C-alpha atoms as a PDB file:
ATOM      1  CA  MET A   1    -128.841  21.582   3.063  1.00  0.00           C
ATOM      2  CA  LYS A   2    -126.089  19.324   2.036  1.00  0.00           C
ATOM      3  CA  LYS A   3    -125.635  21.317  -1.163  1.00  0.00           C
ATOM      4  CA  LYS A   4    -125.120  24.536   0.812  1.00  0.00           C
ATOM      5  CA  LEU A   5    -122.539  22.928   3.082  1.00  0.00           C
ATOM      6  CA  PHE A   6    -120.635  21.594   0.079  1.00  0.00           C
ATOM      7  CA  LEU A   7    -120.476  25.049  -1.520  1.00  0.00           C
ATOM      8  CA  ILE A   8    -119.271  26.649   1.720  1.00  0.00           C
ATOM      9  CA  VAL A   9    -116.429  24.065   2.063  1.00  0.00           C
ATOM     10  CA  LEU A  10    -115.432  24.514  -1.562  1.00  0.00           C
ATOM     11  CA  CYS A  11    -115.235  28.312  -1.135  1.00  0.00           C
ATOM     12  CA  LEU A  12    -113.065  27.975   1.942  1.00  0.00           C
ATOM     13  CA  ALA A  13    -110.710  25.592   0.163  1.00  0.00           C
ATOM     14  CA  CYS A  14    -110.315  27.945  -2.803  1.00  0.00           C
ATOM     15  CA  THR A  15    -109.640  30.901  -0.461  1.00  0.00           C
ATOM     16  CA  ALA A  16    -106.946  28.975   1.412  1.00  0.00           C
ATOM     17  CA  SER A  17    -105.278  27.882  -1.803  1.00  0.00           C
ATOM     18  CA  TYR A  18    -105.192  31.452  -3.185  1.00  0.00           C
ATOM     19  CA  ALA A  19    -103.676  32.764   0.071  1.00  0.00           C
ATOM     20  CA  GLN A  20    -100.816  30.215  -0.089  1.00  0.00           C
ATOM     21  CA  GLN A  21     -99.985  31.105  -3.682  1.00  0.00           C
ATOM     22  CA  THR A  22     -99.886  34.830  -2.901  1.00  0.00           C
ATOM     23  CA  LYS A  23     -97.531  34.245   0.051  1.00  0.00           C
ATOM     24  CA  LYS A  24     -95.043  32.356  -2.176  1.00  0.00           C
ATOM     25  CA  ARG A  25     -94.995  35.123  -4.787  1.00  0.00           C
ATOM     26  CA  LYS A  26     -94.345  37.847  -2.235  1.00  0.00           C
ATOM     27  CA  ARG A  27     -90.616  38.868  -2.344  1.00  0.00           C
ATOM     28  CA  PRO A  28     -88.692  39.352   0.869  1.00  0.00           C
ATOM     29  CA  ARG A  29     -87.598  42.879   1.644  1.00  0.00           C
ATOM     30  CA  PRO A  30     -83.780  43.417   1.203  1.00  0.00           C
ATOM     31  CA  LYS A  31     -81.768  43.865   4.341  1.00  0.00           C
ATOM     32  CA  PRO A  32     -79.934  47.170   4.749  1.00  0.00           C
ATOM     33  CA  ALA A  33     -76.208  46.959   3.926  1.00  0.00           C
ATOM     34  CA  VAL A  34     -73.847  47.093   6.890  1.00  0.00           C
ATOM     35  CA  VAL A  35     -70.976  49.539   6.355  1.00  0.00           C
ATOM     36  CA  GLN A  36     -67.817  48.326   8.058  1.00  0.00           C
ATOM     37  CA  ALA A  37     -65.311  50.776   9.398  1.00  0.00           C
ATOM     38  CA  PRO A  38     -61.872  50.694   7.712  1.00  0.00           C
ATOM     39  CA  ALA A  39     -59.277  48.650   9.562  1.00  0.00           C
ATOM     40  CA  PRO A  40     -56.650  50.735  11.332  1.00  0.00           C
ATOM     41  CA  VAL A  41     -53.302  50.905   9.599  1.00  0.00           C
ATOM     42  CA  SER A  42     -50.657  49.263  11.741  1.00  0.00           C
ATOM     43  CA  ALA A  43     -46.986  50.217  11.723  1.00  0.00           C
ATOM     44  CA  ALA A  44     -45.903  46.565  11.559  1.00  0.00           C
ATOM     45  CA  PRO A  45     -44.048  45.551   8.351  1.00  0.00           C
ATOM     46  CA  SER A  46     -46.043  43.719   5.738  1.00  0.00           C
ATOM     47  CA  THR A  47     -45.666  39.972   5.589  1.00  0.00           C
ATOM     48  CA  VAL A  48     -44.602  38.453   2.220  1.00  0.00           C
ATOM     49  CA  VAL A  49     -46.579  35.360   1.408  1.00  0.00           C
ATOM     50  CA  ALA A  50     -44.374  32.628  -0.113  1.00  0.00           C
ATOM     51  CA  THR A  51     -45.728  31.273  -3.332  1.00  0.00           C
ATOM     52  CA  THR A  52     -44.878  27.897  -4.820  1.00  0.00           C
ATOM     53  CA  PRO A  53     -43.023  28.303  -8.139  1.00  0.00           C
ATOM     54  CA  PRO A  54     -44.598  26.647 -11.128  1.00  0.00           C
ATOM     55  CA  PRO A  55     -43.170  23.252 -12.073  1.00  0.00           C
ATOM     56  CA  VAL A  56     -40.201  23.437 -14.441  1.00  0.00           C
ATOM     57  CA  THR A  57     -40.799  21.681 -17.705  1.00  0.00           C
ATOM     58  CA  PRO A  58     -37.727  19.637 -18.701  1.00  0.00           C
ATOM     59  CA  PRO A  59     -36.232  20.680 -22.036  1.00  0.00           C
ATOM     60  CA  LYS A  60     -36.877  18.502 -24.993  1.00  0.00           C
ATOM     61  CA  PRO A  61     -33.920  16.195 -25.689  1.00  0.00           C
ATOM     62  CA  PHE A  62     -31.717  17.346 -28.540  1.00  0.00           C
ATOM     63  CA  ASP A  63     -31.894  15.034 -31.517  1.00  0.00           C
ATOM     64  CA  ARG A  64     -28.522  15.529 -33.159  1.00  0.00           C
ATOM     65  CA  PRO A  65     -28.554  14.941 -36.914  1.00  0.00           C
ATOM     66  CA  LEU A  66     -26.207  12.443 -38.479  1.00  0.00           C
ATOM     67  CA  ASP A  67     -23.142  14.200 -39.864  1.00  0.00           C
ATOM     68  CA  SER A  68     -22.998  11.901 -42.872  1.00  0.00           C
ATOM     69  CA  TYR A  69     -25.160   9.965 -45.307  1.00  0.00           C
ATOM     70  CA  TYR A  70     -24.194   6.675 -43.714  1.00  0.00           C
ATOM     71  CA  LYS A  71     -23.280   5.558 -40.224  1.00  0.00           C
ATOM     72  CA  LYS A  72     -19.825   4.119 -39.598  1.00  0.00           C
ATOM     73  CA  THR A  73     -20.220   1.015 -37.471  1.00  0.00           C
ATOM     74  CA  ASN A  74     -17.625  -1.384 -38.853  1.00  0.00           C
ATOM     75  CA  ILE A  75     -14.731   0.079 -36.857  1.00  0.00           C
ATOM     76  CA  LEU A  76     -16.766   0.788 -33.707  1.00  0.00           C
ATOM     77  CA  ASN A  77     -17.988  -2.809 -33.558  1.00  0.00           C
ATOM     78  CA  ALA A  78     -14.702  -4.382 -34.616  1.00  0.00           C
ATOM     79  CA  ARG A  79     -13.334  -7.344 -32.712  1.00  0.00           C
ATOM     80  CA  VAL A  80      -9.732  -8.458 -32.396  1.00  0.00           C
ATOM     81  CA  THR A  81      -8.667 -11.409 -34.499  1.00  0.00           C
ATOM     82  CA  PRO A  82      -6.721 -13.606 -32.086  1.00  0.00           C
ATOM     83  CA  TYR A  83      -3.364 -15.095 -32.926  1.00  0.00           C
ATOM     84  CA  PRO A  84      -3.204 -18.822 -33.626  1.00  0.00           C
ATOM     85  CA  ASN A  85      -2.156 -20.837 -30.638  1.00  0.00           C
ATOM     86  CA  LEU A  86       1.608 -21.271 -30.432  1.00  0.00           C
ATOM     87  CA  ARG A  87       3.203 -24.105 -28.505  1.00  0.00           C
ATOM     88  CA  GLU A  88       6.779 -24.006 -27.337  1.00  0.00           C
ATOM     89  CA  ALA A  89       7.426 -27.350 -28.993  1.00  0.00           C
ATOM     90  CA  ASP A  90       6.401 -25.880 -32.384  1.00  0.00           C
ATOM     91  CA  VAL A  91       8.854 -22.942 -32.231  1.00  0.00           C
ATOM     92  CA  ALA A  92      11.791 -23.913 -34.404  1.00  0.00           C
ATOM     93  CA  PHE A  93      13.393 -20.450 -34.463  1.00  0.00           C
ATOM     94  CA  ALA A  94      12.900 -17.248 -32.451  1.00  0.00           C
ATOM     95  CA  LYS A  95      14.522 -13.815 -32.357  1.00  0.00           C
ATOM     96  CA  ARG A  96      13.552 -10.753 -30.356  1.00  0.00           C
ATOM     97  CA  VAL A  97      13.756  -7.500 -32.272  1.00  0.00           C
ATOM     98  CA  TRP A  98      13.440  -3.876 -31.157  1.00  0.00           C
ATOM     99  CA  ARG A  99      12.540  -1.416 -33.890  1.00  0.00           C
ATOM    100  CA  GLU A 100      11.579   2.270 -33.996  1.00  0.00           C
ATOM    101  CA  ILE A 101       8.879   4.055 -35.992  1.00  0.00           C
ATOM    102  CA  ASP A 102       9.685   7.636 -36.979  1.00  0.00           C
ATOM    103  CA  LEU A 103       6.486   9.641 -37.488  1.00  0.00           C
ATOM    104  CA  ARG A 104       8.307  12.171 -39.652  1.00  0.00           C
ATOM    105  CA  GLU A 105       8.638   9.623 -42.454  1.00  0.00           C
ATOM    106  CA  LYS A 106       6.031   9.954 -45.169  1.00  0.00           C
ATOM    107  CA  MET A 107       4.559   6.483 -44.719  1.00  0.00           C
ATOM    108  CA  ASN A 108       4.079   7.002 -40.962  1.00  0.00           C
ATOM    109  CA  GLN A 109       2.627  10.513 -40.919  1.00  0.00           C
ATOM    110  CA  TYR A 110      -0.944   9.256 -40.478  1.00  0.00           C
ATOM    111  CA  LEU A 111       0.023   8.054 -36.982  1.00  0.00           C
ATOM    112  CA  ALA A 112       0.497  11.704 -35.976  1.00  0.00           C
ATOM    113  CA  SER A 113      -2.608  13.139 -37.682  1.00  0.00           C
ATOM    114  CA  PRO A 114      -4.323  15.803 -35.514  1.00  0.00           C
ATOM    115  CA  LYS A 115      -7.645  14.065 -36.234  1.00  0.00           C
ATOM    116  CA  GLN A 116      -6.537  10.806 -34.631  1.00  0.00           C
ATOM    117  CA  ARG A 117      -3.075  10.496 -33.111  1.00  0.00           C
ATOM    118  CA  LEU A 118      -1.804   7.179 -31.857  1.00  0.00           C
ATOM    119  CA  ILE A 119      -0.509   8.782 -28.664  1.00  0.00           C
ATOM    120  CA  ASP A 120      -3.929  10.380 -28.008  1.00  0.00           C
ATOM    121  CA  VAL A 121      -5.631   6.996 -28.310  1.00  0.00           C
ATOM    122  CA  LEU A 122      -3.181   5.419 -25.879  1.00  0.00           C
ATOM    123  CA  MET A 123      -3.336   8.253 -23.340  1.00  0.00           C
ATOM    124  CA  ALA A 124      -7.149   8.337 -23.386  1.00  0.00           C
ATOM    125  CA  ALA A 125      -7.234   4.609 -22.638  1.00  0.00           C
ATOM    126  CA  ILE A 126      -4.670   5.014 -19.837  1.00  0.00           C
ATOM    127  CA  GLN A 127      -6.567   7.899 -18.235  1.00  0.00           C
ATOM    128  CA  SER A 128      -9.849   5.943 -18.312  1.00  0.00           C
ATOM    129  CA  GLY A 129      -8.234   2.874 -16.770  1.00  0.00           C
ATOM    130  CA  GLU A 130      -8.756   0.641 -19.820  1.00  0.00           C
ATOM    131  CA  LEU A 131      -5.021   0.317 -20.355  1.00  0.00           C
ATOM    132  CA  THR A 132      -2.043   0.016 -18.017  1.00  0.00           C
ATOM    133  CA  ALA A 133       1.271   1.770 -18.576  1.00  0.00           C
ATOM    134  CA  TYR A 134       4.457   0.176 -17.279  1.00  0.00           C
ATOM    135  CA  SER A 135       7.639   1.876 -16.153  1.00  0.00           C
ATOM    136  CA  ALA A 136      10.536   2.064 -18.611  1.00  0.00           C
ATOM    137  CA  GLN A 137      13.144   2.665 -15.899  1.00  0.00           C
ATOM    138  CA  PRO A 138      15.641  -0.219 -15.589  1.00  0.00           C
ATOM    139  CA  ASP A 139      15.625  -2.229 -12.387  1.00  0.00           C
ATOM    140  CA  SER A 140      18.664  -4.377 -11.680  1.00  0.00           C
ATOM    141  CA  ALA A 141      16.595  -7.014  -9.906  1.00  0.00           C
ATOM    142  CA  LEU A 142      13.237  -7.230 -11.716  1.00  0.00           C
ATOM    143  CA  ASP A 143      13.701  -5.444 -15.034  1.00  0.00           C
ATOM    144  CA  PRO A 144      17.309  -4.840 -16.165  1.00  0.00           C
ATOM    145  CA  ASP A 145      16.284  -3.444 -19.572  1.00  0.00           C
ATOM    146  CA  GLY A 146      13.203  -1.548 -18.403  1.00  0.00           C
ATOM    147  CA  ASP A 147      10.865  -3.213 -20.889  1.00  0.00           C
ATOM    148  CA  SER A 148       9.621  -6.312 -19.075  1.00  0.00           C
ATOM    149  CA  PHE A 149       6.361  -4.771 -17.734  1.00  0.00           C
ATOM    150  CA  ALA A 150       7.526  -5.175 -14.140  1.00  0.00           C
ATOM    151  CA  LYS A 151       6.186  -1.962 -12.561  1.00  0.00           C
ATOM    152  CA  PRO A 152       2.741  -0.549 -13.417  1.00  0.00           C
ATOM    153  CA  LEU A 153       2.256   3.218 -13.391  1.00  0.00           C
ATOM    154  CA  THR A 154      -0.708   5.346 -12.391  1.00  0.00           C
ATOM    155  CA  PRO A 155      -2.315   7.505 -15.098  1.00  0.00           C
ATOM    156  CA  ASP A 156      -0.696  10.632 -13.618  1.00  0.00           C
ATOM    157  CA  GLN A 157       2.712   8.972 -13.544  1.00  0.00           C
ATOM    158  CA  ALA A 158       2.343   7.885 -17.157  1.00  0.00           C
ATOM    159  CA  LYS A 159       1.370  11.400 -18.207  1.00  0.00           C
ATOM    160  CA  GLY A 160       4.228  12.907 -16.221  1.00  0.00           C
ATOM    161  CA  SER A 161       6.777  10.648 -17.903  1.00  0.00           C
ATOM    162  CA  LEU A 162       5.980  12.259 -21.271  1.00  0.00           C
ATOM    163  CA  VAL A 163       7.052  15.760 -20.301  1.00  0.00           C
ATOM    164  CA  ASP A 164      10.202  17.476 -19.109  1.00  0.00           C
ATOM    165  CA  SER A 165      10.424  19.552 -15.985  1.00  0.00           C
ATOM    166  CA  THR A 166      11.805  23.024 -15.485  1.00  0.00           C
ATOM    167  CA  VAL A 167      13.528  24.401 -12.385  1.00  0.00           C
ATOM    168  CA  ILE A 168      12.062  27.752 -11.405  1.00  0.00           C
ATOM    169  CA  THR A 169      12.990  30.211  -8.670  1.00  0.00           C
ATOM    170  CA  GLY A 170      11.069  33.066  -7.127  1.00  0.00           C
ATOM    171  CA  HIS A 171      10.891  35.598  -4.316  1.00  0.00           C
ATOM    172  CA  ASP A 172       8.448  36.037  -1.467  1.00  0.00           C
ATOM    173  CA  ALA A 173       6.657  39.238  -0.474  1.00  0.00           C
ATOM    174  CA  ASN A 174       9.710  40.424   1.453  1.00  0.00           C
ATOM    175  CA  GLY A 175      12.051  39.981  -1.491  1.00  0.00           C
ATOM    176  CA  ASN A 176      13.744  36.882  -0.138  1.00  0.00           C
ATOM    177  CA  GLN A 177      14.684  34.259  -2.700  1.00  0.00           C
ATOM    178  CA  LEU A 178      12.729  31.031  -2.422  1.00  0.00           C
ATOM    179  CA  ALA A 179      14.189  27.574  -2.804  1.00  0.00           C
ATOM    180  CA  PRO A 180      14.199  26.377  -6.405  1.00  0.00           C
ATOM    181  CA  ARG A 181      11.497  23.906  -7.330  1.00  0.00           C
ATOM    182  CA  ARG A 182      10.882  21.708 -10.337  1.00  0.00           C
ATOM    183  CA  VAL A 183       7.644  22.107 -12.297  1.00  0.00           C
ATOM    184  CA  ALA A 184       6.405  19.760 -15.021  1.00  0.00           C
ATOM    185  CA  ASN A 185       5.898  21.262 -18.453  1.00  0.00           C
ATOM    186  CA  ILE A 186       2.741  20.896 -20.556  1.00  0.00           C
ATOM    187  CA  PHE A 187       2.718  17.889 -22.864  1.00  0.00           C
ATOM    188  CA  ASN A 188       2.478  18.684 -26.558  1.00  0.00           C
ATOM    189  CA  PRO A 189       1.390  15.595 -28.558  1.00  0.00           C
ATOM    190  CA  ASP A 190       2.922  17.029 -31.725  1.00  0.00           C
ATOM    191  CA  SER A 191       6.366  16.877 -30.108  1.00  0.00           C
ATOM    192  CA  LEU A 192       6.249  13.076 -29.938  1.00  0.00           C
ATOM    193  CA  ILE A 193       7.792  11.782 -33.152  1.00  0.00           C
ATOM    194  CA  LYS A 194       8.930   8.230 -32.367  1.00  0.00           C
ATOM    195  CA  PHE A 195       7.580   4.921 -31.103  1.00  0.00           C
ATOM    196  CA  ARG A 196       9.495   1.796 -30.183  1.00  0.00           C
ATOM    197  CA  ILE A 197       8.222  -1.719 -30.804  1.00  0.00           C
ATOM    198  CA  LYS A 198       9.381  -4.891 -29.097  1.00  0.00           C
ATOM    199  CA  GLU A 199       8.462  -8.005 -31.054  1.00  0.00           C
ATOM    200  CA  ASP A 200       9.329 -11.674 -31.415  1.00  0.00           C
ATOM    201  CA  TRP A 201       9.980 -13.254 -34.800  1.00  0.00           C
ATOM    202  CA  VAL A 202       9.087 -16.931 -34.541  1.00  0.00           C
ATOM    203  CA  PHE A 203       8.864 -19.820 -36.966  1.00  0.00           C
ATOM    204  CA  ASP A 204       5.925 -22.075 -36.238  1.00  0.00           C
ATOM    205  CA  ARG A 205       6.724 -25.505 -37.639  1.00  0.00           C
ATOM    206  CA  GLN A 206       3.138 -26.644 -37.102  1.00  0.00           C
ATOM    207  CA  ARG A 207       1.823 -24.076 -39.608  1.00  0.00           C
ATOM    208  CA  SER A 208       5.129 -23.507 -41.464  1.00  0.00           C
ATOM    209  CA  VAL A 209       4.844 -19.759 -40.889  1.00  0.00           C
ATOM    210  CA  PHE A 210       7.586 -17.270 -40.024  1.00  0.00           C
ATOM    211  CA  GLU A 211       5.859 -14.239 -38.481  1.00  0.00           C
ATOM    212  CA  PRO A 212       6.385 -11.356 -36.037  1.00  0.00           C
ATOM    213  CA  ARG A 213       4.301 -10.948 -32.906  1.00  0.00           C
ATOM    214  CA  ILE A 214       4.399  -7.549 -31.220  1.00  0.00           C
ATOM    215  CA  ILE A 215       4.867  -7.686 -27.450  1.00  0.00           C
ATOM    216  CA  GLY A 216       5.237  -4.055 -26.395  1.00  0.00           C
ATOM    217  CA  LEU A 217       4.770  -0.509 -27.655  1.00  0.00           C
ATOM    218  CA  ALA A 218       6.452   2.576 -26.181  1.00  0.00           C
ATOM    219  CA  PRO A 219       6.360   6.306 -27.004  1.00  0.00           C
ATOM    220  CA  MET A 220       9.841   7.820 -27.258  1.00  0.00           C
ATOM    221  CA  ILE A 221      10.853  11.148 -25.724  1.00  0.00           C
ATOM    222  CA  ARG A 222      14.044  13.142 -25.414  1.00  0.00           C
ATOM    223  CA  HIS A 223      14.560  14.528 -21.931  1.00  0.00           C
ATOM    224  CA  LYS A 224      16.430  17.764 -21.401  1.00  0.00           C
ATOM    225  CA  ILE A 225      19.133  17.653 -18.739  1.00  0.00           C
ATOM    226  CA  GLU A 226      20.172  20.983 -17.273  1.00  0.00           C
ATOM    227  CA  GLY A 227      23.903  21.346 -16.840  1.00  0.00           C
ATOM    228  CA  ALA A 228      25.857  23.533 -14.465  1.00  0.00           C
ATOM    229  CA  THR A 229      25.874  26.420 -16.951  1.00  0.00           C
ATOM    230  CA  GLY A 230      22.183  26.052 -17.754  1.00  0.00           C
ATOM    231  CA  ALA A 231      22.825  24.393 -21.118  1.00  0.00           C
ATOM    232  CA  THR A 232      20.652  21.543 -22.331  1.00  0.00           C
ATOM    233  CA  PRO A 233      22.770  19.110 -24.349  1.00  0.00           C
ATOM    234  CA  PRO A 234      20.784  16.831 -26.699  1.00  0.00           C
ATOM    235  CA  GLN A 235      20.051  13.365 -25.384  1.00  0.00           C
ATOM    236  CA  ASP A 236      19.040  10.148 -27.113  1.00  0.00           C
ATOM    237  CA  TYR A 237      15.375   9.223 -27.361  1.00  0.00           C
ATOM    238  CA  GLN A 238      14.241   6.957 -24.540  1.00  0.00           C
ATOM    239  CA  PRO A 239      10.958   5.109 -23.913  1.00  0.00           C
ATOM    240  CA  ALA A 240       8.593   7.082 -21.688  1.00  0.00           C
ATOM    241  CA  PHE A 241       6.611   3.978 -20.660  1.00  0.00           C
ATOM    242  CA  TRP A 242       5.638   0.626 -22.123  1.00  0.00           C
ATOM    243  CA  ILE A 243       2.246  -0.673 -23.206  1.00  0.00           C
ATOM    244  CA  TYR A 244       1.557  -4.406 -23.279  1.00  0.00           C
ATOM    245  CA  PHE A 245       0.392  -4.720 -26.871  1.00  0.00           C
ATOM    246  CA  PRO A 246      -1.921  -7.771 -26.502  1.00  0.00           C
ATOM    247  CA  ASP A 247      -3.968  -5.769 -23.974  1.00  0.00           C
ATOM    248  CA  ALA A 248      -4.053  -2.707 -26.245  1.00  0.00           C
ATOM    249  CA  ARG A 249      -5.346  -4.548 -29.321  1.00  0.00           C
ATOM    250  CA  ALA A 250      -8.999  -4.449 -28.212  1.00  0.00           C
ATOM    251  CA  ILE A 251      -8.797  -0.643 -27.918  1.00  0.00           C
ATOM    252  CA  LEU A 252      -6.771  -0.045 -31.074  1.00  0.00           C
ATOM    253  CA  ALA A 253      -9.201  -2.190 -33.091  1.00  0.00           C
ATOM    254  CA  THR A 254     -12.020   0.355 -32.558  1.00  0.00           C
ATOM    255  CA  LYS A 255     -10.023   3.466 -33.512  1.00  0.00           C
ATOM    256  CA  GLU A 256      -9.906   4.367 -37.183  1.00  0.00           C
ATOM    257  CA  VAL A 257      -6.729   5.708 -38.740  1.00  0.00           C
ATOM    258  CA  VAL A 258      -6.743   8.775 -40.954  1.00  0.00           C
ATOM    259  CA  ASN A 259      -5.909   8.437 -44.635  1.00  0.00           C
ATOM    260  CA  LYS A 260      -5.110  11.533 -46.667  1.00  0.00           C
ATOM    261  CA  ASN A 261      -6.359   9.901 -49.876  1.00  0.00           C
ATOM    262  CA  SER A 262      -9.742   8.604 -48.707  1.00  0.00           C
ATOM    263  CA  ASP A 263     -12.007   8.977 -45.672  1.00  0.00           C
ATOM    264  CA  ALA A 264     -13.361   5.435 -46.106  1.00  0.00           C
ATOM    265  CA  THR A 265     -10.250   3.533 -45.065  1.00  0.00           C
ATOM    266  CA  ASN A 266     -11.939   0.994 -42.758  1.00  0.00           C
ATOM    267  CA  LEU A 267      -8.521   0.431 -41.187  1.00  0.00           C
ATOM    268  CA  SER A 268      -7.941   0.544 -37.461  1.00  0.00           C
ATOM    269  CA  PHE A 269      -4.692   1.019 -35.561  1.00  0.00           C
ATOM    270  CA  ASP A 270      -4.721  -2.692 -34.839  1.00  0.00           C
ATOM    271  CA  ASP A 271      -4.898  -3.395 -38.583  1.00  0.00           C
ATOM    272  CA  ILE A 272      -1.852  -1.316 -39.412  1.00  0.00           C
ATOM    273  CA  PHE A 273       0.268  -3.177 -36.854  1.00  0.00           C
ATOM    274  CA  MET A 274      -1.017  -6.603 -37.840  1.00  0.00           C
ATOM    275  CA  LYS A 275      -0.641  -5.882 -41.572  1.00  0.00           C
ATOM    276  CA  ARG A 276       2.667  -4.031 -41.055  1.00  0.00           C
ATOM    277  CA  ILE A 277       1.494  -0.838 -42.792  1.00  0.00           C
ATOM    278  CA  PHE A 278       4.360   1.250 -41.465  1.00  0.00           C
ATOM    279  CA  THR A 279       8.061   1.696 -42.020  1.00  0.00           C
ATOM    280  CA  SER A 280      10.667   1.260 -39.301  1.00  0.00           C
ATOM    281  CA  TYR A 281      14.297   0.471 -38.628  1.00  0.00           C
ATOM    282  CA  ILE A 282      15.827  -2.037 -36.240  1.00  0.00           C
ATOM    283  CA  VAL A 283      17.743  -0.672 -33.253  1.00  0.00           C
ATOM    284  CA  LYS A 284      18.484  -3.935 -31.483  1.00  0.00           C
ATOM    285  CA  ILE A 285      18.271  -7.681 -31.914  1.00  0.00           C
ATOM    286  CA  SER A 286      18.756 -10.282 -29.211  1.00  0.00           C
ATOM    287  CA  ASN A 287      22.425 -11.297 -28.985  1.00  0.00           C
ATOM    288  CA  ASP A 288      24.839 -12.852 -26.558  1.00  0.00           C
ATOM    289  CA  LYS A 289      26.366  -9.492 -25.535  1.00  0.00           C
ATOM    290  CA  ASP A 290      22.977  -7.745 -25.147  1.00  0.00           C
ATOM    291  CA  GLN A 291      24.189  -4.829 -27.274  1.00  0.00           C
ATOM    292  CA  SER A 292      22.105  -2.421 -29.276  1.00  0.00           C
ATOM    293  CA  ILE A 293      23.248  -1.281 -32.721  1.00  0.00           C
ATOM    294  CA  LYS A 294      24.326   2.148 -31.484  1.00  0.00           C
ATOM    295  CA  GLU A 295      26.790   0.530 -29.087  1.00  0.00           C
ATOM    296  CA  TYR A 296      28.939  -0.916 -31.876  1.00  0.00           C
ATOM    297  CA  LYS A 297      28.015   1.191 -34.928  1.00  0.00           C
ATOM    298  CA  GLU A 298      28.193   4.921 -35.604  1.00  0.00           C
ATOM    299  CA  GLY A 299      26.462   7.308 -38.007  1.00  0.00           C
ATOM    300  CA  ILE A 300      25.166   5.878 -41.259  1.00  0.00           C
ATOM    301  CA  ASP A 301      26.556   2.479 -40.338  1.00  0.00           C
ATOM    302  CA  ARG A 302      23.661   2.057 -37.912  1.00  0.00           C
ATOM    303  CA  LEU A 303      21.126   2.177 -40.736  1.00  0.00           C
ATOM    304  CA  THR A 304      23.238  -0.207 -42.798  1.00  0.00           C
ATOM    305  CA  GLU A 305      23.404  -2.649 -39.899  1.00  0.00           C
ATOM    306  CA  SER A 306      19.625  -2.391 -39.480  1.00  0.00           C
ATOM    307  CA  GLU A 307      19.074  -3.353 -43.107  1.00  0.00           C
ATOM    308  CA  ASP A 308      21.536  -6.224 -42.797  1.00  0.00           C
ATOM    309  CA  ILE A 309      19.600  -7.637 -39.863  1.00  0.00           C
ATOM    310  CA  LYS A 310      16.353  -7.429 -41.839  1.00  0.00           C
ATOM    311  CA  LYS A 311      17.946  -9.282 -44.708  1.00  0.00           C
ATOM    312  CA  LYS A 312      19.318 -12.010 -42.451  1.00  0.00           C
ATOM    313  CA  LEU A 313      15.866 -12.616 -40.990  1.00  0.00           C
ATOM    314  CA  MET A 314      14.306 -12.894 -44.432  1.00  0.00           C
ATOM    315  CA  ASP A 315      17.136 -15.086 -45.712  1.00  0.00           C
ATOM    316  CA  TRP A 316      16.658 -17.512 -42.853  1.00  0.00           C
ATOM    317  CA  GLU A 317      13.085 -18.158 -43.990  1.00  0.00           C
ATOM    318  CA  LEU A 318      14.027 -18.362 -47.674  1.00  0.00           C
ATOM    319  CA  ASN A 319      16.730 -20.914 -46.945  1.00  0.00           C
ATOM    320  CA  LEU A 320      14.096 -23.257 -45.587  1.00  0.00           C
ATOM    321  CA  TRP A 321      12.506 -23.686 -49.002  1.00  0.00           C
ATOM    322  CA  GLN A 322      15.620 -24.209 -51.114  1.00  0.00           C
ATOM    323  CA  TYR A 323      16.038 -27.636 -52.670  1.00  0.00           C
END
């Protein structure tokens, strides 16, 4: 009896297990697709959806090649060699000398080279604020000679002092003549052909040295003065403004001069002034009457007087060593 019951239970269990497996294998019937009606076309304008632009990739930095086989760093990193200290008690002799450098002379032509002009170096430093220009106009109270660095100029004033001005007239739309006005001309650096130097020749008894020390440097210009008949008579060259040379040395020491014989000069503008690699002529020396050479000499006699002054200065030093 027990055996029969066991068989019946086993059969029922097998039947139930087979029914569950068949139910899992049976696939569900797919649902019928629902067809949606097309949306009605509206008369409203279409809306433009704003899209975010893709991020801009920064350009790769330009690696400029070296325009040489070696890098010039000596001039760019140059430092000014200071003067030895000079005490008033050690000055046994002193003379102030004004001399002019003519850029048309062969030895001075490198100062006006289009590659590196002296006036361009000075004007760039003035415009950037590294250097101060001083007025060359005489002032009876503060600066009788106009070269004592009494009145500083702005960069625009310094630039304006290098050019002449022209009086122009015009007419308005109705044909009426307008009042004449003065307009500054454009500065041409090639038109500047002279510089003036103010220096002190001193004998230092402590070191037994007779040497010049440059105090000021000034570009020279010739202004045109319009007469009653419109003529422009020639005028003497006058300083446009003054530069205090001790302040300019740090700038001039990093600017290389141009040499027509070799590109590797390794000389700066400061070097040529310290080593006196230029030619010049004296226009004035300190005297009791405060006269320049042109006030008591004419024509070729001015150049002769300039050479005589040079000789007297050199003779004074030579006379010290005669026994």
